[in-house]
Amino acid sequence: MDGGAPYNPRTVEEVFRDFKGRRAGMIKALTTDVEEFYQQCDPEKENLCLYGFPSEQWEVNLPAEEVPPELPEPALGINFARDGMQEKDWLSLVAVHSDAWLLAVAFYFGARFGFDKADRKRLFNMINDLPTIFEIVTGMAKKQGKEKSSVSNHSSNKSKSNSKQTQRGSESQGKYLKAMQSKDEDEEGLDEEDEEEHGETLCGACGENYAADEFWICCDICEKWFHGKCVKITPARAEHIKQYKCPSCSNKRARP
């Protein structure tokens, strides 16, 4: 899917222009047009993708039906996580996948038209001089520009940032695991009365009781607990969420 007539850039400069156009369209979707983009990514719809076009336009649409497609396809199903994450975290996640797709398309053209080692290096250097969509969406572009002057400082800050995210992720997971373990220990050997007492925690979505074999997550805003399946959050995804907001709290934020 390429928004019109087939377009095949053949030189390094043409591929770079193509990259910049697609990048500009996706940046629009995630910044100036973010409200429209948010509305189009309805989790009730099928697997949706965010496309950027050389004309600096963007589109949310279903993936191409032909296999293999004419161009590499963007990340599939970006709409499913929309209501299960904080809006800024969701936009950051889409931005990361958009960056990866832009590189895939650029180097697809490079491979298709036989760019040699020097051409590929030149193309990458031209692309690498631009801030990523992720850096723009998260406001890190200016900060990154300063950090690039010192490679060692940049690596150090990146590792610190990663360790903080891991720590936050492990704290969040630890919170869930601790609750699960304490409930498991408490429920062993208890009579019916005690089991009822420890089964008072109800899912904020479906209203059913806690179950030891199910993944649960707590909203950091309203502090209600939810079955992971009810809010479409898996244990793996939970590790990457700094602050979890349930669908109810997310909607309050999204609709001023």
C-alpha atoms as a PDB file:
ATOM      1  CA  MET A   1       0.000   0.000   0.000  1.00  0.00           C
ATOM      2  CA  ASP A   2       1.664   3.188  -1.151  1.00  0.00           C
ATOM      3  CA  GLY A   3      -1.066   5.811  -1.540  1.00  0.00           C
ATOM      4  CA  GLY A   4      -1.269   6.054  -5.318  1.00  0.00           C
ATOM      5  CA  ALA A   5       0.853   5.137  -8.313  1.00  0.00           C
ATOM      6  CA  PRO A   6       3.925   2.935  -7.749  1.00  0.00           C
ATOM      7  CA  TYR A   7       6.924   5.057  -6.847  1.00  0.00           C
ATOM      8  CA  ASN A   8      10.419   3.596  -7.016  1.00  0.00           C
ATOM      9  CA  PRO A   9      13.250   5.894  -5.957  1.00  0.00           C
ATOM     10  CA  ARG A  10      16.501   4.659  -7.499  1.00  0.00           C
ATOM     11  CA  THR A  11      19.296   6.889  -6.157  1.00  0.00           C
ATOM     12  CA  VAL A  12      20.478   7.550  -2.600  1.00  0.00           C
ATOM     13  CA  GLU A  13      19.086  11.114  -2.806  1.00  0.00           C
ATOM     14  CA  GLU A  14      15.702   9.880  -4.084  1.00  0.00           C
ATOM     15  CA  VAL A  15      15.440   7.232  -1.361  1.00  0.00           C
ATOM     16  CA  PHE A  16      16.304   9.869   1.244  1.00  0.00           C
ATOM     17  CA  ARG A  17      13.616  12.228  -0.111  1.00  0.00           C
ATOM     18  CA  ASP A  18      11.145   9.335   0.032  1.00  0.00           C
ATOM     19  CA  PHE A  19      12.222   8.637   3.646  1.00  0.00           C
ATOM     20  CA  LYS A  20      11.808  12.302   4.667  1.00  0.00           C
ATOM     21  CA  GLY A  21       8.340  12.528   3.099  1.00  0.00           C
ATOM     22  CA  ARG A  22       7.063   9.382   4.821  1.00  0.00           C
ATOM     23  CA  ARG A  23       8.678  10.466   8.102  1.00  0.00           C
ATOM     24  CA  ALA A  24       7.026  13.915   7.931  1.00  0.00           C
ATOM     25  CA  GLY A  25       3.601  12.302   7.380  1.00  0.00           C
ATOM     26  CA  MET A  26       3.991   9.990  10.378  1.00  0.00           C
ATOM     27  CA  ILE A  27       5.232  12.829  12.587  1.00  0.00           C
ATOM     28  CA  LYS A  28       2.070  14.759  11.674  1.00  0.00           C
ATOM     29  CA  ALA A  29      -0.084  11.789  12.707  1.00  0.00           C
ATOM     30  CA  LEU A  30       1.638  11.541  16.100  1.00  0.00           C
ATOM     31  CA  THR A  31       1.855  15.285  16.854  1.00  0.00           C
ATOM     32  CA  THR A  32      -0.245  17.928  15.063  1.00  0.00           C
ATOM     33  CA  ASP A  33      -2.951  15.460  13.899  1.00  0.00           C
ATOM     34  CA  VAL A  34      -2.809  13.314  17.042  1.00  0.00           C
ATOM     35  CA  GLU A  35      -6.505  13.692  17.972  1.00  0.00           C
ATOM     36  CA  GLU A  36      -7.638  12.475  14.549  1.00  0.00           C
ATOM     37  CA  PHE A  37      -5.049   9.669  14.634  1.00  0.00           C
ATOM     38  CA  TYR A  38      -6.225   8.604  18.126  1.00  0.00           C
ATOM     39  CA  GLN A  39      -9.857   8.430  16.997  1.00  0.00           C
ATOM     40  CA  GLN A  40      -9.030   6.363  13.886  1.00  0.00           C
ATOM     41  CA  CYS A  41      -7.185   3.734  15.967  1.00  0.00           C
ATOM     42  CA  ASP A  42     -10.339   2.222  17.456  1.00  0.00           C
ATOM     43  CA  PRO A  43      -9.465  -1.039  19.307  1.00  0.00           C
ATOM     44  CA  GLU A  44     -12.792  -2.495  18.151  1.00  0.00           C
ATOM     45  CA  LYS A  45     -11.627  -2.427  14.514  1.00  0.00           C
ATOM     46  CA  GLU A  46      -9.435  -5.011  12.775  1.00  0.00           C
ATOM     47  CA  ASN A  47      -5.604  -4.981  12.720  1.00  0.00           C
ATOM     48  CA  LEU A  48      -4.666  -1.454  11.658  1.00  0.00           C
ATOM     49  CA  CYS A  49      -1.351   0.019  10.474  1.00  0.00           C
ATOM     50  CA  LEU A  50       0.017   3.577  10.307  1.00  0.00           C
ATOM     51  CA  TYR A  51       1.355   4.430   6.850  1.00  0.00           C
ATOM     52  CA  GLY A  52       3.474   7.428   5.852  1.00  0.00           C
ATOM     53  CA  PHE A  53       3.621   8.522   2.208  1.00  0.00           C
ATOM     54  CA  PRO A  54       6.306  10.392   0.208  1.00  0.00           C
ATOM     55  CA  SER A  55       3.751  13.235  -0.149  1.00  0.00           C
ATOM     56  CA  GLU A  56       4.077  13.896   3.630  1.00  0.00           C
ATOM     57  CA  GLN A  57       0.587  12.476   4.242  1.00  0.00           C
ATOM     58  CA  TRP A  58      -0.396   9.682   6.641  1.00  0.00           C
ATOM     59  CA  GLU A  59      -3.109   7.041   6.725  1.00  0.00           C
ATOM     60  CA  VAL A  60      -4.450   4.473   9.182  1.00  0.00           C
ATOM     61  CA  ASN A  61      -5.573   1.430   7.212  1.00  0.00           C
ATOM     62  CA  LEU A  62      -5.671  -2.351   6.969  1.00  0.00           C
ATOM     63  CA  PRO A  63      -2.479  -4.057   5.719  1.00  0.00           C
ATOM     64  CA  ALA A  64      -1.990  -4.977   2.075  1.00  0.00           C
ATOM     65  CA  GLU A  65      -3.657  -8.259   1.075  1.00  0.00           C
ATOM     66  CA  GLU A  66      -1.012  -9.453  -1.376  1.00  0.00           C
ATOM     67  CA  VAL A  67       1.855 -11.559  -0.030  1.00  0.00           C
ATOM     68  CA  PRO A  68       4.588 -10.544  -0.214  1.00  0.00           C
ATOM     69  CA  PRO A  69       3.505  -6.878  -0.336  1.00  0.00           C
ATOM     70  CA  GLU A  70       5.055  -4.363  -2.739  1.00  0.00           C
ATOM     71  CA  LEU A  71       6.776  -2.650   0.227  1.00  0.00           C
ATOM     72  CA  PRO A  72       7.520  -3.858   3.777  1.00  0.00           C
ATOM     73  CA  GLU A  73       4.428  -3.499   5.995  1.00  0.00           C
ATOM     74  CA  PRO A  74       4.300  -1.340   9.165  1.00  0.00           C
ATOM     75  CA  ALA A  75       3.586  -2.775  12.637  1.00  0.00           C
ATOM     76  CA  LEU A  76       0.229  -4.559  12.625  1.00  0.00           C
ATOM     77  CA  GLY A  77      -2.561  -3.946  15.152  1.00  0.00           C
ATOM     78  CA  ILE A  78      -1.356  -0.659  16.686  1.00  0.00           C
ATOM     79  CA  ASN A  79      -4.984   0.092  17.609  1.00  0.00           C
ATOM     80  CA  PHE A  80      -5.354  -2.845  20.032  1.00  0.00           C
ATOM     81  CA  ALA A  81      -3.127  -1.317  22.732  1.00  0.00           C
ATOM     82  CA  ARG A  82      -4.658   2.164  22.537  1.00  0.00           C
ATOM     83  CA  ASP A  83      -6.952   1.948  25.574  1.00  0.00           C
ATOM     84  CA  GLY A  84      -4.710  -0.347  27.620  1.00  0.00           C
ATOM     85  CA  MET A  85      -1.824   2.116  27.988  1.00  0.00           C
ATOM     86  CA  GLN A  86      -1.289   5.729  28.944  1.00  0.00           C
ATOM     87  CA  GLU A  87      -1.751   7.784  25.776  1.00  0.00           C
ATOM     88  CA  LYS A  88       1.817   9.165  25.701  1.00  0.00           C
ATOM     89  CA  ASP A  89       3.265   5.647  26.186  1.00  0.00           C
ATOM     90  CA  TRP A  90       1.104   4.292  23.375  1.00  0.00           C
ATOM     91  CA  LEU A  91       2.149   7.104  21.023  1.00  0.00           C
ATOM     92  CA  SER A  92       5.809   6.484  21.937  1.00  0.00           C
ATOM     93  CA  LEU A  93       5.390   2.777  21.129  1.00  0.00           C
ATOM     94  CA  VAL A  94       3.826   3.563  17.736  1.00  0.00           C
ATOM     95  CA  ALA A  95       6.675   6.048  17.104  1.00  0.00           C
ATOM     96  CA  VAL A  96       9.333   3.369  17.727  1.00  0.00           C
ATOM     97  CA  HIS A  97       7.645   0.968  15.293  1.00  0.00           C
ATOM     98  CA  SER A  98       7.273   3.796  12.755  1.00  0.00           C
ATOM     99  CA  ASP A  99      11.032   4.476  12.927  1.00  0.00           C
ATOM    100  CA  ALA A 100      11.725   0.788  12.313  1.00  0.00           C
ATOM    101  CA  TRP A 101       9.347   0.728   9.326  1.00  0.00           C
ATOM    102  CA  LEU A 102      10.927   3.806   7.716  1.00  0.00           C
ATOM    103  CA  LEU A 103      14.367   2.170   7.884  1.00  0.00           C
ATOM    104  CA  ALA A 104      12.938  -1.070   6.476  1.00  0.00           C
ATOM    105  CA  VAL A 105      11.415   0.769   3.474  1.00  0.00           C
ATOM    106  CA  ALA A 106      14.567   2.811   2.794  1.00  0.00           C
ATOM    107  CA  PHE A 107      16.845  -0.212   2.837  1.00  0.00           C
ATOM    108  CA  TYR A 108      14.325  -2.257   0.874  1.00  0.00           C
ATOM    109  CA  PHE A 109      14.793   0.286  -1.951  1.00  0.00           C
ATOM    110  CA  GLY A 110      18.556   0.111  -1.388  1.00  0.00           C
ATOM    111  CA  ALA A 111      18.545  -3.686  -1.791  1.00  0.00           C
ATOM    112  CA  ARG A 112      16.141  -3.644  -4.707  1.00  0.00           C
ATOM    113  CA  PHE A 113      18.224  -1.183  -6.726  1.00  0.00           C
ATOM    114  CA  GLY A 114      21.598  -2.631  -5.813  1.00  0.00           C
ATOM    115  CA  PHE A 115      23.107   0.019  -3.539  1.00  0.00           C
ATOM    116  CA  ASP A 116      26.698  -0.904  -2.742  1.00  0.00           C
ATOM    117  CA  LYS A 117      28.369  -0.630   0.677  1.00  0.00           C
ATOM    118  CA  ALA A 118      29.268   3.046   0.175  1.00  0.00           C
ATOM    119  CA  ASP A 119      25.720   3.972  -0.945  1.00  0.00           C
ATOM    120  CA  ARG A 120      24.138   2.146   1.995  1.00  0.00           C
ATOM    121  CA  LYS A 121      26.498   3.873   4.412  1.00  0.00           C
ATOM    122  CA  ARG A 122      25.772   7.290   2.867  1.00  0.00           C
ATOM    123  CA  LEU A 123      22.020   6.660   3.025  1.00  0.00           C
ATOM    124  CA  PHE A 124      22.204   5.581   6.655  1.00  0.00           C
ATOM    125  CA  ASN A 125      24.318   8.615   7.604  1.00  0.00           C
ATOM    126  CA  MET A 126      21.803  10.968   5.940  1.00  0.00           C
ATOM    127  CA  ILE A 127      18.940   9.267   7.786  1.00  0.00           C
ATOM    128  CA  ASN A 128      20.855   9.184  11.053  1.00  0.00           C
ATOM    129  CA  ASP A 129      21.429  12.953  10.981  1.00  0.00           C
ATOM    130  CA  LEU A 130      17.661  13.437  11.446  1.00  0.00           C
ATOM    131  CA  PRO A 131      16.053  12.945  14.872  1.00  0.00           C
ATOM    132  CA  THR A 132      13.890   9.819  15.070  1.00  0.00           C
ATOM    133  CA  ILE A 133      10.108  10.023  15.273  1.00  0.00           C
ATOM    134  CA  PHE A 134      10.402   8.596  18.796  1.00  0.00           C
ATOM    135  CA  GLU A 135      12.739  11.422  19.838  1.00  0.00           C
ATOM    136  CA  ILE A 136      10.338  14.025  18.420  1.00  0.00           C
ATOM    137  CA  VAL A 137       7.191  12.487  19.954  1.00  0.00           C
ATOM    138  CA  THR A 138       8.794  12.151  23.401  1.00  0.00           C
ATOM    139  CA  GLY A 139      10.443  15.595  23.279  1.00  0.00           C
ATOM    140  CA  MET A 140      13.918  14.061  23.458  1.00  0.00           C
ATOM    141  CA  ALA A 141      15.149  15.461  20.118  1.00  0.00           C
ATOM    142  CA  LYS A 142      16.823  18.586  21.555  1.00  0.00           C
ATOM    143  CA  LYS A 143      18.233  16.687  24.514  1.00  0.00           C
ATOM    144  CA  GLN A 144      19.617  13.968  22.222  1.00  0.00           C
ATOM    145  CA  GLY A 145      21.283  16.621  20.054  1.00  0.00           C
ATOM    146  CA  LYS A 146      23.286  17.841  23.036  1.00  0.00           C
ATOM    147  CA  GLU A 147      24.140  14.327  24.159  1.00  0.00           C
ATOM    148  CA  LYS A 148      25.457  13.338  20.713  1.00  0.00           C
ATOM    149  CA  SER A 149      28.396  15.727  21.225  1.00  0.00           C
ATOM    150  CA  SER A 150      29.717  13.257  23.769  1.00  0.00           C
ATOM    151  CA  VAL A 151      29.342   9.569  22.891  1.00  0.00           C
ATOM    152  CA  SER A 152      30.312   8.408  26.356  1.00  0.00           C
ATOM    153  CA  ASN A 153      27.762  10.677  28.041  1.00  0.00           C
ATOM    154  CA  HIS A 154      25.102   9.521  25.606  1.00  0.00           C
ATOM    155  CA  SER A 155      25.780   5.829  26.322  1.00  0.00           C
ATOM    156  CA  SER A 156      25.857   6.462  30.058  1.00  0.00           C
ATOM    157  CA  ASN A 157      22.541   8.336  30.018  1.00  0.00           C
ATOM    158  CA  LYS A 158      20.976   5.664  27.821  1.00  0.00           C
ATOM    159  CA  SER A 159      22.031   2.872  30.175  1.00  0.00           C
ATOM    160  CA  LYS A 160      20.740   4.819  33.181  1.00  0.00           C
ATOM    161  CA  SER A 161      17.448   5.410  31.401  1.00  0.00           C
ATOM    162  CA  ASN A 162      17.183   1.720  30.516  1.00  0.00           C
ATOM    163  CA  SER A 163      17.973   0.647  34.080  1.00  0.00           C
ATOM    164  CA  LYS A 164      15.283   2.996  35.392  1.00  0.00           C
ATOM    165  CA  GLN A 165      12.724   1.567  32.973  1.00  0.00           C
ATOM    166  CA  THR A 166      13.697  -1.977  33.930  1.00  0.00           C
ATOM    167  CA  GLN A 167      13.465  -1.082  37.590  1.00  0.00           C
ATOM    168  CA  ARG A 168      10.048   0.478  37.116  1.00  0.00           C
ATOM    169  CA  GLY A 169       8.923  -2.513  35.090  1.00  0.00           C
ATOM    170  CA  SER A 170      10.199  -4.925  37.732  1.00  0.00           C
ATOM    171  CA  GLU A 171       8.579  -2.854  40.484  1.00  0.00           C
ATOM    172  CA  SER A 172       5.265  -3.024  38.655  1.00  0.00           C
ATOM    173  CA  GLN A 173       5.672  -6.749  38.041  1.00  0.00           C
ATOM    174  CA  GLY A 174       6.897  -7.184  41.625  1.00  0.00           C
ATOM    175  CA  LYS A 175       3.764  -5.486  42.893  1.00  0.00           C
ATOM    176  CA  TYR A 176       1.671  -7.975  40.956  1.00  0.00           C
ATOM    177  CA  LEU A 177       3.789 -10.999  41.906  1.00  0.00           C
ATOM    178  CA  LYS A 178       3.885 -10.054  45.592  1.00  0.00           C
ATOM    179  CA  ALA A 179       0.116  -9.756  45.653  1.00  0.00           C
ATOM    180  CA  MET A 180      -0.273 -13.086  43.881  1.00  0.00           C
ATOM    181  CA  GLN A 181       2.222 -14.868  46.129  1.00  0.00           C
ATOM    182  CA  SER A 182       0.722 -13.538  49.343  1.00  0.00           C
ATOM    183  CA  LYS A 183      -2.716 -14.594  48.177  1.00  0.00           C
ATOM    184  CA  ASP A 184      -1.442 -18.038  47.180  1.00  0.00           C
ATOM    185  CA  GLU A 185       0.248 -18.539  50.556  1.00  0.00           C
ATOM    186  CA  ASP A 186      -2.752 -17.272  52.479  1.00  0.00           C
ATOM    187  CA  GLU A 187      -5.216 -19.426  50.599  1.00  0.00           C
ATOM    188  CA  GLU A 188      -3.367 -22.687  51.245  1.00  0.00           C
ATOM    189  CA  GLY A 189      -4.986 -24.629  54.062  1.00  0.00           C
ATOM    190  CA  LEU A 190      -7.698 -22.036  54.772  1.00  0.00           C
ATOM    191  CA  ASP A 191     -11.282 -22.994  55.480  1.00  0.00           C
ATOM    192  CA  GLU A 192     -14.225 -21.658  53.464  1.00  0.00           C
ATOM    193  CA  GLU A 193     -14.651 -18.534  55.618  1.00  0.00           C
ATOM    194  CA  ASP A 194     -11.034 -17.485  55.157  1.00  0.00           C
ATOM    195  CA  GLU A 195     -11.226 -18.185  51.434  1.00  0.00           C
ATOM    196  CA  GLU A 196     -14.221 -15.881  51.154  1.00  0.00           C
ATOM    197  CA  GLU A 197     -12.347 -13.200  53.096  1.00  0.00           C
ATOM    198  CA  HIS A 198      -9.320 -13.401  50.771  1.00  0.00           C
ATOM    199  CA  GLY A 199     -11.484 -13.591  47.648  1.00  0.00           C
ATOM    200  CA  GLU A 200     -12.987 -10.129  48.140  1.00  0.00           C
ATOM    201  CA  THR A 201     -10.797  -8.513  45.458  1.00  0.00           C
ATOM    202  CA  LEU A 202     -12.983  -8.069  42.377  1.00  0.00           C
ATOM    203  CA  CYS A 203     -11.983  -7.244  38.811  1.00  0.00           C
ATOM    204  CA  GLY A 204     -12.876  -3.624  37.986  1.00  0.00           C
ATOM    205  CA  ALA A 205     -13.975  -4.703  34.491  1.00  0.00           C
ATOM    206  CA  CYS A 206     -15.924  -7.964  34.814  1.00  0.00           C
ATOM    207  CA  GLY A 207     -16.619  -7.930  38.590  1.00  0.00           C
ATOM    208  CA  GLU A 208     -15.394 -11.514  39.069  1.00  0.00           C
ATOM    209  CA  ASN A 209     -13.188 -12.633  41.976  1.00  0.00           C
ATOM    210  CA  TYR A 210      -9.429 -13.017  42.097  1.00  0.00           C
ATOM    211  CA  ALA A 211      -8.140 -16.346  40.747  1.00  0.00           C
ATOM    212  CA  ALA A 212      -4.654 -17.624  41.574  1.00  0.00           C
ATOM    213  CA  ASP A 213      -3.956 -18.861  38.037  1.00  0.00           C
ATOM    214  CA  GLU A 214      -4.787 -15.559  36.288  1.00  0.00           C
ATOM    215  CA  PHE A 215      -2.694 -12.441  35.585  1.00  0.00           C
ATOM    216  CA  TRP A 216      -3.918  -9.315  37.381  1.00  0.00           C
ATOM    217  CA  ILE A 217      -2.817  -5.675  37.081  1.00  0.00           C
ATOM    218  CA  CYS A 218      -3.555  -2.677  39.305  1.00  0.00           C
ATOM    219  CA  CYS A 219      -4.429   0.789  37.923  1.00  0.00           C
ATOM    220  CA  ASP A 220      -1.978   3.358  39.312  1.00  0.00           C
ATOM    221  CA  ILE A 221      -4.676   6.062  39.241  1.00  0.00           C
ATOM    222  CA  CYS A 222      -7.853   4.526  40.742  1.00  0.00           C
ATOM    223  CA  GLU A 223      -5.992   1.560  42.348  1.00  0.00           C
ATOM    224  CA  LYS A 224      -8.572  -0.952  41.110  1.00  0.00           C
ATOM    225  CA  TRP A 225      -7.415  -4.438  40.105  1.00  0.00           C
ATOM    226  CA  PHE A 226      -8.231  -5.958  36.708  1.00  0.00           C
ATOM    227  CA  HIS A 227      -7.849  -9.338  35.020  1.00  0.00           C
ATOM    228  CA  GLY A 228      -5.175  -8.857  32.365  1.00  0.00           C
ATOM    229  CA  LYS A 229      -7.447 -10.438  29.752  1.00  0.00           C
ATOM    230  CA  CYS A 230     -10.263  -7.968  30.568  1.00  0.00           C
ATOM    231  CA  VAL A 231      -8.070  -4.941  29.782  1.00  0.00           C
ATOM    232  CA  LYS A 232      -5.992  -6.636  27.039  1.00  0.00           C
ATOM    233  CA  ILE A 233      -2.722  -6.491  28.998  1.00  0.00           C
ATOM    234  CA  THR A 234      -0.301  -9.423  29.028  1.00  0.00           C
ATOM    235  CA  PRO A 235       2.465  -9.959  31.639  1.00  0.00           C
ATOM    236  CA  ALA A 236       5.037  -9.188  28.899  1.00  0.00           C
ATOM    237  CA  ARG A 237       3.368  -5.886  28.021  1.00  0.00           C
ATOM    238  CA  ALA A 238       2.989  -4.989  31.719  1.00  0.00           C
ATOM    239  CA  GLU A 239       6.776  -5.015  32.084  1.00  0.00           C
ATOM    240  CA  HIS A 240       7.041  -2.087  29.646  1.00  0.00           C
ATOM    241  CA  ILE A 241       4.306   0.064  31.220  1.00  0.00           C
ATOM    242  CA  LYS A 242       5.742   2.714  33.573  1.00  0.00           C
ATOM    243  CA  GLN A 243       2.346   3.783  34.918  1.00  0.00           C
ATOM    244  CA  TYR A 244      -0.718   1.686  34.114  1.00  0.00           C
ATOM    245  CA  LYS A 245      -4.018   3.511  33.578  1.00  0.00           C
ATOM    246  CA  CYS A 246      -7.169   1.416  33.216  1.00  0.00           C
ATOM    247  CA  PRO A 247      -9.502   2.106  30.258  1.00  0.00           C
ATOM    248  CA  SER A 248     -11.818   4.184  32.476  1.00  0.00           C
ATOM    249  CA  CYS A 249      -9.021   6.468  33.707  1.00  0.00           C
ATOM    250  CA  SER A 250      -7.529   6.681  30.176  1.00  0.00           C
ATOM    251  CA  ASN A 251     -10.862   7.803  28.745  1.00  0.00           C
ATOM    252  CA  LYS A 252     -11.173  10.527  31.376  1.00  0.00           C
ATOM    253  CA  ARG A 253      -7.806  11.884  30.197  1.00  0.00           C
ATOM    254  CA  ALA A 254      -8.561  11.499  26.489  1.00  0.00           C
ATOM    255  CA  ARG A 255     -11.899  13.337  26.662  1.00  0.00           C
ATOM    256  CA  PRO A 256     -11.366  16.777  28.279  1.00  0.00           C
END
